């Protein structure tokens, strides 16, 4: 696979992961203000961005599994780091939403 294409996919992963991260932080602010439904909607929106990033990643994995050579550069490592971090952040945000709701309902 051409290095330009690999870098393009990496930037796509970074773009969608970064968007998801921003949206998740918006959800955190909504949680703090007891806007739980809005926060839940934001987390769903963030998940949509994560899915787009994951689709770009899956494209590379499919090419690699079919025998195509994929050279991993630092930008792709950075992109993978972004994606995995934001996926973890979203999981934590979902758990925090439940905790915020539970505290508010007591």
N, C-alpha and C. Protein backbone atom coordinates (compact mmCIF):
# COMPACT_ATOMS: atom_id res chain seq x y z
N UNK A 1 0.85 -1.17 0.00
CA UNK A 1 0.00 0.00 0.00
C UNK A 1 0.90 1.24 0.00
N UNK A 2 0.52 2.23 -0.77
CA UNK A 2 1.32 3.45 -0.87
C UNK A 2 1.34 4.20 0.46
N UNK A 3 2.49 4.77 0.76
CA UNK A 3 2.67 5.49 2.02
C UNK A 3 1.70 6.68 2.12
N UNK A 4 1.43 7.34 1.00
CA UNK A 4 0.49 8.47 1.00
C UNK A 4 -0.90 8.03 1.45
N UNK A 5 -1.34 6.87 0.97
CA UNK A 5 -2.65 6.35 1.34
C UNK A 5 -2.68 5.99 2.82
N UNK A 6 -1.61 5.39 3.31
CA UNK A 6 -1.53 5.03 4.72
C UNK A 6 -1.61 6.29 5.57
N UNK A 7 -0.88 7.33 5.19
CA UNK A 7 -0.92 8.59 5.93
C UNK A 7 -2.30 9.23 5.87
N UNK A 8 -2.96 9.12 4.73
CA UNK A 8 -4.31 9.66 4.59
C UNK A 8 -5.27 8.96 5.55
N UNK A 9 -5.16 7.65 5.66
CA UNK A 9 -6.00 6.89 6.59
C UNK A 9 -5.66 7.29 8.02
N UNK A 10 -4.38 7.47 8.32
CA UNK A 10 -3.97 7.87 9.66
C UNK A 10 -4.58 9.22 10.03
N UNK A 11 -4.54 10.16 9.11
CA UNK A 11 -5.12 11.47 9.39
C UNK A 11 -6.64 11.39 9.54
N UNK A 12 -7.26 10.49 8.81
CA UNK A 12 -8.71 10.29 8.97
C UNK A 12 -9.03 9.75 10.37
N UNK A 13 -8.22 8.82 10.82
CA UNK A 13 -8.40 8.28 12.18
C UNK A 13 -8.21 9.38 13.21
N UNK A 14 -7.18 10.19 13.04
CA UNK A 14 -6.91 11.29 13.98
C UNK A 14 -8.04 12.31 13.95
N UNK A 15 -8.53 12.64 12.79
CA UNK A 15 -9.63 13.61 12.65
C UNK A 15 -10.86 13.16 13.41
N UNK A 16 -11.30 11.94 13.16
CA UNK A 16 -12.52 11.46 13.80
C UNK A 16 -12.32 11.20 15.29
N UNK A 17 -11.15 10.72 15.66
CA UNK A 17 -10.86 10.52 17.08
C UNK A 17 -10.83 11.85 17.82
N UNK A 18 -10.23 12.85 17.21
CA UNK A 18 -10.19 14.18 17.82
C UNK A 18 -11.57 14.78 17.97
N UNK A 19 -12.40 14.61 16.96
CA UNK A 19 -13.77 15.10 17.05
C UNK A 19 -14.52 14.41 18.18
N UNK A 20 -14.34 13.10 18.28
CA UNK A 20 -15.00 12.34 19.35
C UNK A 20 -14.54 12.83 20.71
N UNK A 21 -13.26 13.09 20.85
CA UNK A 21 -12.72 13.57 22.14
C UNK A 21 -13.36 14.90 22.53
N UNK A 22 -13.47 15.81 21.59
CA UNK A 22 -14.09 17.11 21.85
C UNK A 22 -15.54 16.93 22.28
N UNK A 23 -16.26 16.08 21.59
CA UNK A 23 -17.67 15.83 21.90
C UNK A 23 -17.81 15.20 23.29
N UNK A 24 -16.92 14.29 23.63
CA UNK A 24 -16.97 13.65 24.94
C UNK A 24 -16.76 14.69 26.04
N UNK A 25 -15.85 15.62 25.84
CA UNK A 25 -15.63 16.68 26.84
C UNK A 25 -16.86 17.58 26.96
N UNK A 26 -17.57 17.79 25.87
CA UNK A 26 -18.84 18.52 25.94
C UNK A 26 -19.83 17.74 26.80
N UNK A 27 -19.85 16.42 26.64
CA UNK A 27 -20.74 15.57 27.43
C UNK A 27 -20.39 15.66 28.92
N UNK A 28 -19.09 15.69 29.23
CA UNK A 28 -18.68 15.84 30.63
C UNK A 28 -19.25 17.12 31.23
N UNK A 29 -19.18 18.20 30.48
CA UNK A 29 -19.72 19.48 30.97
C UNK A 29 -21.23 19.38 31.19
N UNK A 30 -21.91 18.71 30.32
CA UNK A 30 -23.36 18.52 30.47
C UNK A 30 -23.67 17.68 31.70
N UNK A 31 -22.86 16.67 31.95
CA UNK A 31 -23.05 15.84 33.15
C UNK A 31 -22.94 16.70 34.40
N UNK A 32 -21.95 17.57 34.42
CA UNK A 32 -21.74 18.45 35.59
C UNK A 32 -22.95 19.34 35.84
N UNK A 33 -23.68 19.67 34.78
CA UNK A 33 -24.86 20.53 34.87
C UNK A 33 -26.16 19.74 34.93
N UNK A 34 -26.05 18.45 35.20
CA UNK A 34 -27.21 17.55 35.30
C UNK A 34 -28.05 17.51 34.02
N UNK A 35 -27.44 17.71 32.90
CA UNK A 35 -28.11 17.62 31.60
C UNK A 35 -27.84 16.22 31.04
N UNK A 36 -28.42 15.22 31.68
CA UNK A 36 -28.07 13.84 31.41
C UNK A 36 -28.49 13.36 30.03
N UNK A 37 -29.68 13.73 29.59
CA UNK A 37 -30.13 13.30 28.26
C UNK A 37 -29.25 13.93 27.18
N UNK A 38 -28.92 15.21 27.34
CA UNK A 38 -28.03 15.87 26.38
C UNK A 38 -26.65 15.22 26.38
N UNK A 39 -26.16 14.86 27.57
CA UNK A 39 -24.86 14.20 27.67
C UNK A 39 -24.90 12.84 26.98
N UNK A 40 -25.99 12.12 27.17
CA UNK A 40 -26.14 10.82 26.51
C UNK A 40 -26.14 10.98 25.00
N UNK A 41 -26.84 12.00 24.51
CA UNK A 41 -26.86 12.27 23.07
C UNK A 41 -25.46 12.60 22.55
N UNK A 42 -24.71 13.37 23.34
CA UNK A 42 -23.33 13.71 22.94
C UNK A 42 -22.46 12.46 22.88
N UNK A 43 -22.64 11.56 23.83
CA UNK A 43 -21.85 10.33 23.81
C UNK A 43 -22.19 9.47 22.60
N UNK A 44 -23.45 9.48 22.19
CA UNK A 44 -23.84 8.77 20.97
C UNK A 44 -23.20 9.43 19.75
N UNK A 45 -23.17 10.75 19.75
CA UNK A 45 -22.53 11.49 18.65
C UNK A 45 -21.03 11.17 18.62
N UNK A 46 -20.41 11.12 19.78
CA UNK A 46 -18.99 10.77 19.86
C UNK A 46 -18.76 9.36 19.34
N UNK A 47 -19.67 8.46 19.68
CA UNK A 47 -19.54 7.08 19.20
C UNK A 47 -19.60 7.02 17.68
N UNK A 48 -20.44 7.84 17.07
CA UNK A 48 -20.51 7.88 15.60
C UNK A 48 -19.15 8.26 15.01
N UNK A 49 -18.47 9.21 15.64
CA UNK A 49 -17.13 9.61 15.17
C UNK A 49 -16.13 8.47 15.36
N UNK A 50 -16.24 7.78 16.50
CA UNK A 50 -15.35 6.65 16.76
C UNK A 50 -15.56 5.56 15.72
N UNK A 51 -16.80 5.32 15.36
CA UNK A 51 -17.10 4.31 14.33
C UNK A 51 -16.45 4.69 13.00
N UNK A 52 -16.49 5.97 12.65
CA UNK A 52 -15.85 6.41 11.40
C UNK A 52 -14.33 6.19 11.46
N UNK A 53 -13.73 6.50 12.60
CA UNK A 53 -12.29 6.26 12.76
C UNK A 53 -11.99 4.77 12.69
N UNK A 54 -12.84 3.99 13.31
CA UNK A 54 -12.63 2.54 13.33
C UNK A 54 -12.77 1.95 11.94
N UNK A 55 -13.69 2.48 11.14
CA UNK A 55 -13.86 2.00 9.76
C UNK A 55 -12.58 2.23 8.96
N UNK A 56 -11.96 3.39 9.15
CA UNK A 56 -10.71 3.68 8.45
C UNK A 56 -9.63 2.69 8.88
N UNK A 57 -9.58 2.40 10.16
CA UNK A 57 -8.61 1.44 10.69
C UNK A 57 -8.88 0.04 10.11
N UNK A 58 -10.14 -0.34 10.05
CA UNK A 58 -10.52 -1.66 9.55
C UNK A 58 -10.11 -1.83 8.09
N UNK A 59 -10.20 -0.77 7.32
CA UNK A 59 -9.76 -0.82 5.92
C UNK A 59 -8.30 -1.27 5.84
N UNK A 60 -7.46 -0.71 6.68
CA UNK A 60 -6.05 -1.10 6.69
C UNK A 60 -5.87 -2.55 7.14
N UNK A 61 -6.60 -2.93 8.16
CA UNK A 61 -6.48 -4.30 8.67
C UNK A 61 -6.90 -5.33 7.62
N UNK A 62 -7.94 -5.00 6.85
CA UNK A 62 -8.39 -5.91 5.80
C UNK A 62 -7.34 -6.05 4.71
N UNK A 63 -6.73 -4.94 4.34
CA UNK A 63 -5.69 -4.99 3.31
C UNK A 63 -4.49 -5.80 3.82
N UNK A 64 -4.13 -5.57 5.07
CA UNK A 64 -3.01 -6.30 5.66
C UNK A 64 -3.31 -7.80 5.72
N UNK A 65 -4.52 -8.16 6.12
CA UNK A 65 -4.87 -9.58 6.24
C UNK A 65 -4.95 -10.26 4.88
N UNK A 66 -5.14 -9.47 3.82
CA UNK A 66 -5.16 -10.07 2.49
C UNK A 66 -3.76 -10.15 1.88
N UNK A 67 -2.76 -9.80 2.68
CA UNK A 67 -1.38 -9.97 2.22
C UNK A 67 -0.70 -8.70 1.74
N UNK A 68 -1.42 -7.61 1.76
CA UNK A 68 -0.83 -6.35 1.31
C UNK A 68 0.14 -5.82 2.38
N UNK A 69 1.24 -5.27 1.94
CA UNK A 69 2.24 -4.74 2.86
C UNK A 69 1.81 -3.37 3.37
N UNK A 70 1.82 -3.22 4.69
CA UNK A 70 1.46 -1.95 5.32
C UNK A 70 2.66 -1.52 6.17
N UNK A 71 3.25 -0.39 5.82
CA UNK A 71 4.38 0.14 6.58
C UNK A 71 3.85 1.09 7.64
N UNK A 72 4.16 0.78 8.88
CA UNK A 72 3.68 1.60 9.99
C UNK A 72 4.68 2.72 10.27
N UNK A 73 4.24 3.94 10.05
CA UNK A 73 5.06 5.10 10.37
C UNK A 73 4.59 5.71 11.67
N UNK A 74 5.31 6.70 12.12
CA UNK A 74 5.00 7.34 13.39
C UNK A 74 3.60 7.96 13.39
N UNK A 75 3.14 8.46 12.25
CA UNK A 75 1.83 9.10 12.19
C UNK A 75 0.73 8.06 12.40
N UNK A 76 0.94 6.84 11.90
CA UNK A 76 -0.05 5.79 12.12
C UNK A 76 -0.05 5.33 13.57
N UNK A 77 1.12 5.26 14.17
CA UNK A 77 1.19 4.91 15.59
C UNK A 77 0.44 5.96 16.40
N UNK A 78 0.65 7.22 16.05
CA UNK A 78 -0.05 8.33 16.72
C UNK A 78 -1.57 8.20 16.53
N UNK A 79 -1.99 7.87 15.33
CA UNK A 79 -3.42 7.72 15.03
C UNK A 79 -4.03 6.59 15.86
N UNK A 80 -3.33 5.48 15.93
CA UNK A 80 -3.82 4.34 16.71
C UNK A 80 -3.92 4.70 18.19
N UNK A 81 -2.94 5.44 18.67
CA UNK A 81 -2.95 5.89 20.06
C UNK A 81 -4.16 6.79 20.32
N UNK A 82 -4.41 7.71 19.40
CA UNK A 82 -5.58 8.59 19.52
C UNK A 82 -6.87 7.77 19.61
N UNK A 83 -7.02 6.83 18.71
CA UNK A 83 -8.25 6.04 18.65
C UNK A 83 -8.46 5.23 19.92
N UNK A 84 -7.43 4.54 20.36
CA UNK A 84 -7.57 3.71 21.56
C UNK A 84 -7.84 4.57 22.80
N UNK A 85 -7.20 5.72 22.88
CA UNK A 85 -7.41 6.60 24.03
C UNK A 85 -8.83 7.12 24.06
N UNK A 86 -9.34 7.54 22.92
CA UNK A 86 -10.69 8.11 22.88
C UNK A 86 -11.74 7.02 23.11
N UNK A 87 -11.47 5.80 22.69
CA UNK A 87 -12.41 4.71 22.96
C UNK A 87 -12.50 4.46 24.47
N UNK A 88 -11.36 4.51 25.13
CA UNK A 88 -11.34 4.34 26.58
C UNK A 88 -12.04 5.50 27.27
N UNK A 89 -11.78 6.73 26.78
CA UNK A 89 -12.40 7.91 27.35
C UNK A 89 -13.92 7.84 27.23
N UNK A 90 -14.42 7.35 26.11
CA UNK A 90 -15.86 7.23 25.92
C UNK A 90 -16.46 6.21 26.89
N UNK A 91 -15.76 5.10 27.09
CA UNK A 91 -16.23 4.09 28.05
C UNK A 91 -16.29 4.69 29.46
N UNK A 92 -15.28 5.43 29.84
CA UNK A 92 -15.26 6.07 31.16
C UNK A 92 -16.39 7.09 31.26
N UNK A 93 -16.59 7.87 30.21
CA UNK A 93 -17.66 8.88 30.21
C UNK A 93 -19.03 8.23 30.37
N UNK A 94 -19.24 7.10 29.72
CA UNK A 94 -20.51 6.38 29.86
C UNK A 94 -20.73 5.94 31.29
N UNK A 95 -19.70 5.43 31.92
CA UNK A 95 -19.80 5.01 33.31
C UNK A 95 -20.04 6.22 34.22
N UNK A 96 -19.36 7.31 33.94
CA UNK A 96 -19.55 8.51 34.75
C UNK A 96 -20.96 9.06 34.62
N UNK A 97 -21.53 8.96 33.44
CA UNK A 97 -22.90 9.42 33.24
C UNK A 97 -23.84 8.65 34.18
N UNK A 98 -23.66 7.34 34.24
CA UNK A 98 -24.49 6.54 35.15
C UNK A 98 -24.28 6.95 36.60
N UNK A 99 -23.05 7.22 36.97
CA UNK A 99 -22.77 7.63 38.35
C UNK A 99 -23.39 9.00 38.66
N UNK A 100 -23.25 9.95 37.74
CA UNK A 100 -23.86 11.26 37.93
C UNK A 100 -25.38 11.13 38.11
N UNK A 101 -25.99 10.31 37.26
CA UNK A 101 -27.44 10.11 37.36
C UNK A 101 -27.82 9.47 38.70
N UNK A 102 -27.05 8.51 39.12
CA UNK A 102 -27.33 7.81 40.37
C UNK A 102 -27.22 8.77 41.56
N UNK A 103 -26.20 9.59 41.57
CA UNK A 103 -26.03 10.57 42.65
C UNK A 103 -27.16 11.58 42.63
N UNK A 104 -27.55 12.03 41.47
CA UNK A 104 -28.61 13.03 41.34
C UNK A 104 -29.94 12.48 41.81
N UNK A 105 -30.17 11.20 41.59
CA UNK A 105 -31.46 10.60 41.94
C UNK A 105 -31.56 10.20 43.41
N UNK A 106 -30.50 10.37 44.16
CA UNK A 106 -30.55 10.02 45.60
C UNK A 106 -31.04 11.15 46.43
